[in-house]
Structures are given as C-alpha cells and as structure tokens.
Protein backbone atom coordinates (compact mmCIF):
# COMPACT_ATOMS: atom_id res chain seq x y z
CA MET A 1 15.68 -25.45 30.41
CA GLN A 2 12.86 -23.20 31.53
CA ARG A 3 12.01 -20.31 29.23
CA PHE A 4 10.29 -17.09 30.14
CA TYR A 5 8.71 -14.30 28.18
CA LEU A 6 7.64 -10.73 28.61
CA VAL A 7 5.61 -8.34 26.51
CA TYR A 8 7.21 -5.00 25.69
CA LYS A 9 4.89 -2.13 24.71
CA SER A 10 6.75 -0.56 21.76
CA PRO A 11 5.58 2.48 19.79
CA LEU A 12 4.43 0.08 17.04
CA GLY A 13 2.76 -2.53 19.19
CA ASP A 14 3.54 -5.40 21.52
CA ILE A 15 6.91 -7.10 21.14
CA LYS A 16 7.19 -10.48 22.83
CA ILE A 17 10.64 -11.42 24.10
CA ILE A 18 11.46 -15.00 25.01
CA TYR A 19 14.49 -15.55 27.22
CA ASP A 20 16.13 -18.09 29.49
CA ASP A 21 18.93 -18.06 32.06
CA TYR A 22 21.54 -17.62 29.30
CA GLY A 23 19.99 -14.78 27.34
CA ILE A 24 17.35 -13.72 24.87
CA VAL A 25 16.18 -16.57 22.68
CA ARG A 26 13.61 -14.93 20.40
CA VAL A 27 12.02 -11.55 19.68
CA ILE A 28 8.52 -11.72 18.22
CA LEU A 29 7.52 -8.49 16.48
CA PRO A 30 3.95 -7.09 16.56
CA PHE A 31 3.11 -8.31 13.05
CA GLU A 32 4.25 -11.89 13.67
CA ASP A 33 1.53 -14.36 14.53
CA LEU A 34 3.62 -16.82 16.52
CA GLU A 35 2.73 -18.74 19.62
CA ILE A 36 5.02 -18.62 22.63
CA PRO A 37 6.06 -22.22 23.31
CA ASP A 38 6.12 -23.47 26.91
CA ALA A 39 7.28 -20.24 28.50
CA ILE A 40 6.25 -18.61 31.76
CA TYR A 41 5.38 -14.93 31.80
CA MET A 42 7.94 -13.09 33.92
CA GLU A 43 9.12 -9.49 33.80
CA ASN A 44 12.86 -8.96 33.37
CA ASP A 45 14.22 -5.52 34.23
CA SER A 46 17.41 -5.81 32.16
CA VAL A 47 15.56 -6.95 29.03
CA LYS A 48 12.99 -4.20 29.46
CA ALA A 49 15.77 -1.64 30.04
CA TYR A 50 17.40 -2.62 26.73
CA PHE A 51 14.20 -1.92 24.78
CA ASP A 52 13.42 1.22 26.81
CA GLU A 53 16.82 2.67 25.94
CA TYR A 54 16.61 1.60 22.29
CA PHE A 55 13.16 3.12 21.69
CA ALA A 56 14.15 6.27 23.61
CA GLY A 57 16.86 6.86 20.99
CA GLY A 58 19.80 5.42 22.89
CA ASN A 59 22.41 2.91 21.86
CA PRO A 60 22.10 0.15 24.48
CA GLN A 61 24.72 -2.52 24.98
CA THR A 62 23.79 -5.78 23.27
CA PRO A 63 22.16 -8.06 25.82
CA SER A 64 23.16 -11.70 26.28
CA LEU A 65 21.73 -13.85 23.51
CA ASN A 66 21.01 -17.56 23.46
CA ILE A 67 20.06 -18.09 19.85
CA ASN A 68 20.19 -21.33 17.91
CA VAL A 69 21.71 -20.38 14.54
CA THR A 70 24.17 -21.79 12.03
CA LYS A 71 27.84 -20.79 11.98
CA PHE A 72 27.18 -18.73 8.86
CA GLN A 73 24.25 -16.91 10.45
CA ARG A 74 26.36 -16.20 13.54
CA LYS A 75 29.07 -14.64 11.32
CA VAL A 76 26.47 -12.44 9.64
CA PHE A 77 24.84 -11.45 12.94
CA ASP A 78 28.17 -10.75 14.67
CA ALA A 79 29.28 -8.49 11.82
CA LEU A 80 25.94 -6.72 11.84
CA LEU A 81 26.18 -6.06 15.57
CA ASN A 82 29.22 -3.92 14.72
CA THR A 83 27.23 -1.53 12.52
CA LYS A 84 26.57 1.79 14.17
CA ARG A 85 23.14 3.03 15.05
CA GLY A 86 21.86 5.40 12.37
CA THR A 87 23.85 3.76 9.58
CA THR A 88 22.99 1.24 6.90
CA ILE A 89 25.01 -1.35 5.04
CA THR A 90 24.22 -3.15 1.80
CA TYR A 91 23.82 -6.91 1.56
CA GLY A 92 26.91 -6.96 -0.67
CA ALA A 93 29.06 -4.91 1.72
CA LEU A 94 28.00 -7.10 4.66
CA ALA A 95 28.86 -10.19 2.62
CA LYS A 96 32.35 -8.78 1.96
CA VAL A 97 32.85 -8.03 5.67
CA ILE A 98 32.41 -11.73 6.46
CA GLY A 99 34.34 -12.98 3.41
CA CYS A 100 31.28 -14.22 1.53
CA SER A 101 30.71 -13.73 -2.19
CA SER A 102 26.92 -14.00 -2.02
CA PRO A 103 24.75 -11.08 -0.91
CA ARG A 104 21.74 -13.40 -1.32
CA ALA A 105 23.13 -15.80 1.27
CA VAL A 106 23.43 -12.88 3.67
CA GLY A 107 19.82 -11.92 2.91
CA GLN A 108 18.67 -15.46 3.65
CA ALA A 109 20.53 -15.47 6.96
CA LEU A 110 18.91 -12.17 7.91
CA LYS A 111 15.48 -13.44 6.88
CA HIS A 112 15.79 -15.98 9.71
CA ASN A 113 17.08 -13.57 12.38
CA PRO A 114 15.48 -14.77 15.64
CA VAL A 115 16.20 -11.51 17.49
CA PRO A 116 15.31 -8.56 15.22
CA VAL A 117 15.91 -5.10 16.65
CA ILE A 118 18.74 -6.53 18.79
CA VAL A 119 20.58 -7.95 15.77
CA PRO A 120 19.77 -4.93 13.60
CA CYS A 121 18.83 -6.58 10.32
CA HIS A 122 16.75 -3.47 9.56
CA ARG A 123 20.05 -1.65 8.86
CA VAL A 124 20.75 -3.82 5.81
CA VAL A 125 19.61 -2.40 2.50
CA GLY A 126 19.90 -3.34 -1.13
CA LYS A 127 22.12 -1.51 -3.58
CA GLY A 128 19.84 1.30 -4.72
CA TRP A 129 16.75 0.08 -2.83
CA SER A 130 15.59 -0.31 0.76
CA GLY A 131 15.98 -4.09 0.86
CA GLY A 132 13.57 -6.37 2.65
CA PHE A 133 12.56 -7.09 6.20
CA ALA A 134 11.48 -10.41 7.67
CA GLY A 135 11.25 -11.88 4.17
CA GLU A 136 9.08 -9.16 2.62
CA ILE A 137 9.74 -6.09 0.50
CA SER A 138 6.52 -4.15 1.12
CA GLY A 139 3.72 -3.76 3.61
CA VAL A 140 3.65 -3.61 7.39
CA LYS A 141 7.05 -5.28 7.80
CA MET A 142 8.73 -2.65 5.66
CA GLU A 143 6.89 0.08 7.57
CA PHE A 144 8.37 -1.38 10.77
CA LYS A 145 11.85 -1.38 9.17
CA GLN A 146 11.47 2.24 8.10
CA PHE A 147 10.27 3.22 11.57
CA LEU A 148 13.41 1.66 13.12
CA LEU A 149 15.69 3.37 10.59
CA ASP A 150 14.00 6.74 11.24
CA LEU A 151 14.21 6.19 15.01
CA GLU A 152 17.96 5.64 14.73
CA LYS A 153 18.67 8.87 12.81
C-alpha cells in the first residue's frame, strides 16, 4: 500500500505525519531523528486541519488511524483517547481503566505510541511526578510534553 507524508509546521518545529488510504500511520515529532520510509510527499487537508485545530486550542475529532500495535497497546490507546483535553491521568489510573494491574506495562505501551499528540500520551503522569514522554524523563522531550499540557489548559 502506498504511503504518503506531509510536514506540519507546529509551534515547536516540524512534525512529519505519515498516512495511507486508511488513516494516519505515524507521527514523527521534531526531536525524533527518523527517516520516512518509502512515502511520497503529499499535502492532506484533513490531516492538516486536525493539527491546525489542535494547536489553535481546539479539541478536534480523532482522525482515522492505521497503526500497527498489539491488542494491549490498542486497549491503552483507546482508553487514553477518552481522556479530556486539559486533564491528566496517572499510569496507575489508566491501568485500572483497562483492567490491568501494572502501571509499568501501561508506561511501556505509551513509550511506543506511534501517533503522539493524536493519542495523547502526554496526558499521562506519574503519581506525584510529571511522568515521562517518548521514553525520557527530562530534556527536550519533556519540554514538548509540558508545552502540550500547557496548550491544553
């Protein structure tokens, strides 16, 4: 299946979005040094509109996704899509929502989120601390997380 990509100019830098006929496949954040595999550059008005609305402070409808994840990751992501903009949830509370006894397992699922911002893993925090983002607990990734949380307030 042919894949396409576009580059979205976010307030924090270029976000690359890979998509196909079925939905968004991958979101590559500005700090990620990943190559775009065999995709053709093509603008997509509906994908761009999602990010325009999100970064303008809106609460856009979740776009179609075509992500390759495990059943467990899908449970975590689906539950997280039900969190409201401007709110946070702890790893433990999210684990309970999906009937899991391991907040760490939830954290590992989120670490491998292929569509950050859309599946709002930035809304997940630790009990008494800000949690991680994209596998890190400090630095530019956490600054990006904090920017998203502040944007959603």
